C-alpha cells in the first residue's frame, strides 16, 4: 500500500508585526514542523520557494478547495 500523501496546508497572513517580508492578506503554504509550532512559530514557504519560521500569531489557518491547494502548493 502506498503511503498517503498529505494535503498541503495554507494560512492567510493577517499582520506582519515587524516581519517586513510578509504581506498581509496573502496566502502562504505551511510545512509541518511540530517543534516550531510548540515554540509558537510556523514554517512558511515564501515566493522564492524557501521556508522560514514566522510567529504563528501573524497567520490564520484557511481551508482551500483541493484544486486551489494543488495549484498553489510548492512542489516537494
N, C-alpha and C. Protein backbone atom coordinates (compact mmCIF):
# COMPACT_ATOMS: atom_id res chain seq x y z
N UNK A 1 0.85 -1.18 0.00
CA UNK A 1 0.00 0.00 0.00
C UNK A 1 0.89 1.24 0.00
N UNK A 2 0.57 2.22 -0.88
CA UNK A 2 1.34 3.45 -0.98
C UNK A 2 1.03 4.35 0.22
N UNK A 3 2.06 5.05 0.73
CA UNK A 3 1.78 5.98 1.81
C UNK A 3 0.91 7.13 1.30
N UNK A 4 -0.03 7.54 2.13
CA UNK A 4 -0.94 8.60 1.75
C UNK A 4 -0.22 9.94 1.78
N UNK A 5 -0.33 10.69 0.70
CA UNK A 5 0.31 11.99 0.60
C UNK A 5 -0.51 13.02 1.37
N UNK A 6 0.16 13.80 2.21
CA UNK A 6 -0.53 14.82 2.99
C UNK A 6 -0.98 15.97 2.09
N UNK A 7 -2.16 16.48 2.38
CA UNK A 7 -2.65 17.65 1.67
C UNK A 7 -1.83 18.86 2.12
N UNK A 8 -1.46 19.73 1.20
CA UNK A 8 -0.75 20.94 1.62
C UNK A 8 -1.67 21.80 2.48
N UNK A 9 -1.08 22.51 3.44
CA UNK A 9 -1.84 23.39 4.33
C UNK A 9 -1.46 24.83 4.04
N UNK A 10 -2.45 25.71 4.20
CA UNK A 10 -2.25 27.11 3.89
C UNK A 10 -2.74 28.00 5.02
N UNK A 11 -2.14 29.19 5.09
CA UNK A 11 -2.53 30.19 6.07
C UNK A 11 -2.67 31.53 5.34
N UNK A 12 -3.43 32.42 5.97
CA UNK A 12 -3.59 33.78 5.48
C UNK A 12 -2.82 34.68 6.42
N UNK A 13 -1.95 35.51 5.87
CA UNK A 13 -1.21 36.47 6.70
C UNK A 13 -2.20 37.56 7.14
N UNK A 14 -2.35 37.74 8.44
CA UNK A 14 -3.28 38.75 8.95
C UNK A 14 -2.56 39.97 9.51
N UNK A 15 -1.25 39.86 9.73
CA UNK A 15 -0.43 41.00 10.14
C UNK A 15 1.03 40.61 10.00
N UNK A 16 1.91 41.61 9.87
CA UNK A 16 3.31 41.25 9.70
C UNK A 16 4.19 41.60 10.89
N UNK A 17 3.71 42.35 11.87
CA UNK A 17 4.41 42.61 13.14
C UNK A 17 5.93 42.66 13.02
N UNK A 18 6.45 43.53 12.17
CA UNK A 18 7.89 43.67 12.04
C UNK A 18 8.54 42.69 11.10
N UNK A 19 7.79 41.75 10.56
CA UNK A 19 8.32 40.80 9.57
C UNK A 19 8.03 41.41 8.19
N UNK A 20 8.90 42.32 7.77
CA UNK A 20 8.64 43.10 6.56
C UNK A 20 8.49 42.27 5.29
N UNK A 21 8.99 41.04 5.31
CA UNK A 21 8.88 40.21 4.11
C UNK A 21 7.53 39.48 4.02
N UNK A 22 6.68 39.60 5.06
CA UNK A 22 5.33 39.04 4.99
C UNK A 22 4.37 40.09 4.45
N UNK A 23 3.43 39.65 3.63
CA UNK A 23 2.43 40.55 3.07
C UNK A 23 1.06 40.23 3.65
N UNK A 24 0.48 41.16 4.44
CA UNK A 24 -0.87 40.92 4.94
C UNK A 24 -1.85 40.67 3.80
N UNK A 25 -2.84 39.82 4.04
CA UNK A 25 -3.87 39.41 3.09
C UNK A 25 -3.32 38.49 1.99
N UNK A 26 -2.16 37.92 2.19
CA UNK A 26 -1.58 36.99 1.23
C UNK A 26 -1.63 35.57 1.79
N UNK A 27 -1.85 34.59 0.92
CA UNK A 27 -1.91 33.18 1.30
C UNK A 27 -0.52 32.57 1.16
N UNK A 28 -0.13 31.82 2.20
CA UNK A 28 1.17 31.15 2.23
C UNK A 28 0.97 29.67 2.54
N UNK A 29 1.85 28.83 1.99
CA UNK A 29 1.84 27.42 2.32
C UNK A 29 2.64 27.19 3.60
N UNK A 30 2.17 26.27 4.43
CA UNK A 30 2.82 25.94 5.69
C UNK A 30 3.35 24.51 5.61
N UNK A 31 4.57 24.31 6.08
CA UNK A 31 5.15 22.98 6.17
C UNK A 31 5.05 22.50 7.61
N UNK A 32 4.83 21.22 7.79
CA UNK A 32 4.73 20.65 9.13
C UNK A 32 6.08 20.79 9.85
N UNK A 33 6.03 21.35 11.05
CA UNK A 33 7.21 21.47 11.89
C UNK A 33 6.72 21.52 13.34
N UNK A 34 6.50 20.34 13.94
CA UNK A 34 5.94 20.28 15.29
C UNK A 34 6.76 21.05 16.33
N UNK A 35 8.09 21.00 16.25
CA UNK A 35 8.90 21.70 17.25
C UNK A 35 8.75 23.22 17.10
N UNK A 36 8.64 23.72 15.88
CA UNK A 36 8.41 25.15 15.68
C UNK A 36 7.05 25.55 16.22
N UNK A 37 6.04 24.73 15.96
CA UNK A 37 4.68 25.02 16.44
C UNK A 37 4.65 25.09 17.97
N UNK A 38 5.39 24.20 18.62
CA UNK A 38 5.44 24.21 20.09
C UNK A 38 6.01 25.53 20.62
N UNK A 39 6.88 26.15 19.84
CA UNK A 39 7.50 27.42 20.24
C UNK A 39 6.70 28.63 19.76
N UNK A 40 5.55 28.40 19.10
CA UNK A 40 4.70 29.50 18.64
C UNK A 40 5.04 30.02 17.26
N UNK A 41 5.69 29.18 16.44
CA UNK A 41 6.08 29.58 15.09
C UNK A 41 5.49 28.63 14.05
N UNK A 42 5.43 29.12 12.83
CA UNK A 42 5.04 28.30 11.68
C UNK A 42 6.16 28.33 10.66
N UNK A 43 6.38 27.22 9.99
CA UNK A 43 7.34 27.16 8.88
C UNK A 43 6.57 27.47 7.61
N UNK A 44 6.83 28.66 7.05
CA UNK A 44 6.07 29.21 5.93
C UNK A 44 6.95 29.28 4.69
N UNK A 45 6.39 28.91 3.54
CA UNK A 45 7.11 28.97 2.27
C UNK A 45 6.83 30.32 1.62
N UNK A 46 7.90 31.03 1.25
CA UNK A 46 7.72 32.34 0.62
C UNK A 46 7.75 32.22 -0.91
N UNK A 47 7.75 33.37 -1.57
CA UNK A 47 7.69 33.40 -3.04
C UNK A 47 8.88 32.72 -3.71
N UNK A 48 10.02 32.70 -3.03
CA UNK A 48 11.22 32.10 -3.62
C UNK A 48 11.19 30.58 -3.53
N UNK A 49 10.22 30.04 -2.77
CA UNK A 49 10.15 28.60 -2.58
C UNK A 49 10.91 28.15 -1.34
N UNK A 50 11.57 29.09 -0.66
CA UNK A 50 12.29 28.78 0.57
C UNK A 50 11.33 28.86 1.76
N UNK A 51 11.63 28.10 2.81
CA UNK A 51 10.78 28.15 4.00
C UNK A 51 11.51 28.81 5.15
N UNK A 52 10.74 29.58 5.94
CA UNK A 52 11.27 30.33 7.08
C UNK A 52 10.29 30.23 8.24
N UNK A 53 10.78 30.46 9.44
CA UNK A 53 9.93 30.47 10.62
C UNK A 53 9.40 31.88 10.87
N UNK A 54 8.10 31.96 11.13
CA UNK A 54 7.45 33.23 11.46
C UNK A 54 6.52 32.99 12.64
N UNK A 55 6.24 34.05 13.42
CA UNK A 55 5.31 33.90 14.54
C UNK A 55 3.93 33.45 14.06
N UNK A 56 3.39 32.43 14.71
CA UNK A 56 2.08 31.88 14.32
C UNK A 56 0.98 32.93 14.45
N UNK A 57 1.15 33.91 15.36
CA UNK A 57 0.12 34.94 15.57
C UNK A 57 -0.07 35.83 14.35
N UNK A 58 0.82 35.76 13.38
CA UNK A 58 0.71 36.57 12.16
C UNK A 58 -0.22 35.93 11.13
N UNK A 59 -0.73 34.72 11.40
CA UNK A 59 -1.48 33.97 10.40
C UNK A 59 -2.79 33.42 10.94
N UNK A 60 -3.71 33.19 10.02
CA UNK A 60 -4.95 32.47 10.31
C UNK A 60 -5.02 31.28 9.37
N UNK A 61 -5.31 30.10 9.92
CA UNK A 61 -5.42 28.90 9.09
C UNK A 61 -6.64 29.02 8.17
N UNK A 62 -6.50 28.54 6.95
CA UNK A 62 -7.61 28.56 6.00
C UNK A 62 -7.71 27.21 5.32
N UNK A 63 -8.93 26.86 4.90
CA UNK A 63 -9.16 25.65 4.12
C UNK A 63 -9.43 26.07 2.69
N UNK A 64 -8.68 25.49 1.77
CA UNK A 64 -8.87 25.77 0.35
C UNK A 64 -9.48 24.56 -0.33
N UNK A 65 -10.23 24.78 -1.40
CA UNK A 65 -10.68 23.64 -2.20
C UNK A 65 -9.46 22.87 -2.72
N UNK A 66 -9.61 21.58 -2.92
CA UNK A 66 -8.48 20.74 -3.35
C UNK A 66 -7.80 21.27 -4.61
N UNK A 67 -8.58 21.74 -5.58
CA UNK A 67 -7.99 22.24 -6.83
C UNK A 67 -7.13 23.47 -6.56
N UNK A 68 -7.59 24.35 -5.68
CA UNK A 68 -6.82 25.55 -5.36
C UNK A 68 -5.55 25.19 -4.60
N UNK A 69 -5.65 24.28 -3.64
CA UNK A 69 -4.49 23.86 -2.87
C UNK A 69 -3.44 23.21 -3.78
N UNK A 70 -3.90 22.41 -4.72
CA UNK A 70 -2.97 21.76 -5.66
C UNK A 70 -2.26 22.78 -6.54
N UNK A 71 -3.00 23.80 -6.98
CA UNK A 71 -2.42 24.83 -7.84
C UNK A 71 -1.41 25.69 -7.09
N UNK A 72 -1.64 25.93 -5.80
CA UNK A 72 -0.76 26.81 -5.02
C UNK A 72 0.39 26.09 -4.35
N UNK A 73 0.32 24.79 -4.23
CA UNK A 73 1.33 24.04 -3.49
C UNK A 73 2.70 24.12 -4.16
N UNK A 74 3.71 24.25 -3.32
CA UNK A 74 5.08 24.24 -3.79
C UNK A 74 5.47 22.79 -4.02
N UNK A 75 6.06 22.47 -5.17
CA UNK A 75 6.46 21.07 -5.43
C UNK A 75 7.43 20.57 -4.36
N UNK A 76 7.21 19.34 -3.94
CA UNK A 76 8.06 18.75 -2.88
C UNK A 76 9.39 18.34 -3.42
